[in-house]
Amino acid sequence: MAYELKMPQLGLTMEEGTVSKWIKKEGDAVKVGDVIVEITTDKLTNEVVSET
């Protein structure tokens, strides 16, 4: 089953970000709290975790 993953706003001035690394691969099981992807902005790199 597919889920939509929305880019979180990682800072007050963030306007864009880039997926720097996918942690989970297509078909992997994902639980609440699992790290899914790393997002890089002009100021930082942050991990995005599953909320559902």
C-alpha atoms as a PDB file:
ATOM      1  CA  MET A   1       0.000   0.000   0.000  1.00  0.00           C
ATOM      2  CA  ALA A   2       1.380   3.439  -0.945  1.00  0.00           C
ATOM      3  CA  TYR A   3       1.401   6.457   1.370  1.00  0.00           C
ATOM      4  CA  GLU A   4       2.066  10.093   0.583  1.00  0.00           C
ATOM      5  CA  LEU A   5       5.176  11.519   2.221  1.00  0.00           C
ATOM      6  CA  LYS A   6       5.127  15.300   2.581  1.00  0.00           C
ATOM      7  CA  MET A   7       8.301  17.327   2.918  1.00  0.00           C
ATOM      8  CA  PRO A   8       8.350  18.772   6.443  1.00  0.00           C
ATOM      9  CA  GLN A   9       9.344  22.405   6.968  1.00  0.00           C
ATOM     10  CA  LEU A  10      12.626  22.044   8.834  1.00  0.00           C
ATOM     11  CA  GLY A  11      13.120  25.719   9.641  1.00  0.00           C
ATOM     12  CA  LEU A  12      11.354  29.056   9.535  1.00  0.00           C
ATOM     13  CA  THR A  13      13.123  30.154   6.352  1.00  0.00           C
ATOM     14  CA  MET A  14      13.194  26.786   4.583  1.00  0.00           C
ATOM     15  CA  GLU A  15      11.910  27.033   1.021  1.00  0.00           C
ATOM     16  CA  GLU A  16      13.329  23.846  -0.490  1.00  0.00           C
ATOM     17  CA  GLY A  17      15.135  20.673   0.440  1.00  0.00           C
ATOM     18  CA  THR A  18      16.746  17.712  -1.289  1.00  0.00           C
ATOM     19  CA  VAL A  19      16.464  14.012  -0.540  1.00  0.00           C
ATOM     20  CA  SER A  20      20.077  13.173   0.280  1.00  0.00           C
ATOM     21  CA  LYS A  21      19.548   9.525   1.255  1.00  0.00           C
ATOM     22  CA  TRP A  22      16.633   7.093   1.296  1.00  0.00           C
ATOM     23  CA  ILE A  23      16.861   4.937   4.426  1.00  0.00           C
ATOM     24  CA  LYS A  24      13.898   2.671   3.616  1.00  0.00           C
ATOM     25  CA  LYS A  25      13.675   0.909   0.269  1.00  0.00           C
ATOM     26  CA  GLU A  26      10.550   0.185  -1.740  1.00  0.00           C
ATOM     27  CA  GLY A  27       8.752  -2.749  -0.147  1.00  0.00           C
ATOM     28  CA  ASP A  28      10.407  -2.385   3.287  1.00  0.00           C
ATOM     29  CA  ALA A  29       8.140  -2.567   6.323  1.00  0.00           C
ATOM     30  CA  VAL A  30       7.769   0.799   8.056  1.00  0.00           C
ATOM     31  CA  LYS A  31       6.677   1.287  11.667  1.00  0.00           C
ATOM     32  CA  VAL A  32       5.840   4.491  13.521  1.00  0.00           C
ATOM     33  CA  GLY A  33       9.089   6.207  14.473  1.00  0.00           C
ATOM     34  CA  ASP A  34      11.217   4.562  11.762  1.00  0.00           C
ATOM     35  CA  VAL A  35      13.579   6.884   9.880  1.00  0.00           C
ATOM     36  CA  ILE A  36      12.490   6.977   6.234  1.00  0.00           C
ATOM     37  CA  VAL A  37      14.683   9.537   4.510  1.00  0.00           C
ATOM     38  CA  GLU A  38      17.364  12.196   5.079  1.00  0.00           C
ATOM     39  CA  ILE A  39      16.563  15.698   3.814  1.00  0.00           C
ATOM     40  CA  THR A  40      19.271  18.305   3.201  1.00  0.00           C
ATOM     41  CA  THR A  41      18.610  22.052   3.123  1.00  0.00           C
ATOM     42  CA  ASP A  42      21.028  24.939   2.723  1.00  0.00           C
ATOM     43  CA  LYS A  43      21.596  24.939   6.500  1.00  0.00           C
ATOM     44  CA  LEU A  44      21.170  21.386   7.817  1.00  0.00           C
ATOM     45  CA  THR A  45      20.499  17.701   7.224  1.00  0.00           C
ATOM     46  CA  ASN A  46      17.587  16.132   9.073  1.00  0.00           C
ATOM     47  CA  GLU A  47      16.000  12.686   9.284  1.00  0.00           C
ATOM     48  CA  VAL A  48      12.274  12.291   8.536  1.00  0.00           C
ATOM     49  CA  VAL A  49      10.486   9.670  10.633  1.00  0.00           C
ATOM     50  CA  SER A  50       7.246   7.819   9.959  1.00  0.00           C
ATOM     51  CA  GLU A  51       4.223   9.204  11.753  1.00  0.00           C
ATOM     52  CA  THR A  52       1.781   6.461  10.684  1.00  0.00           C
END
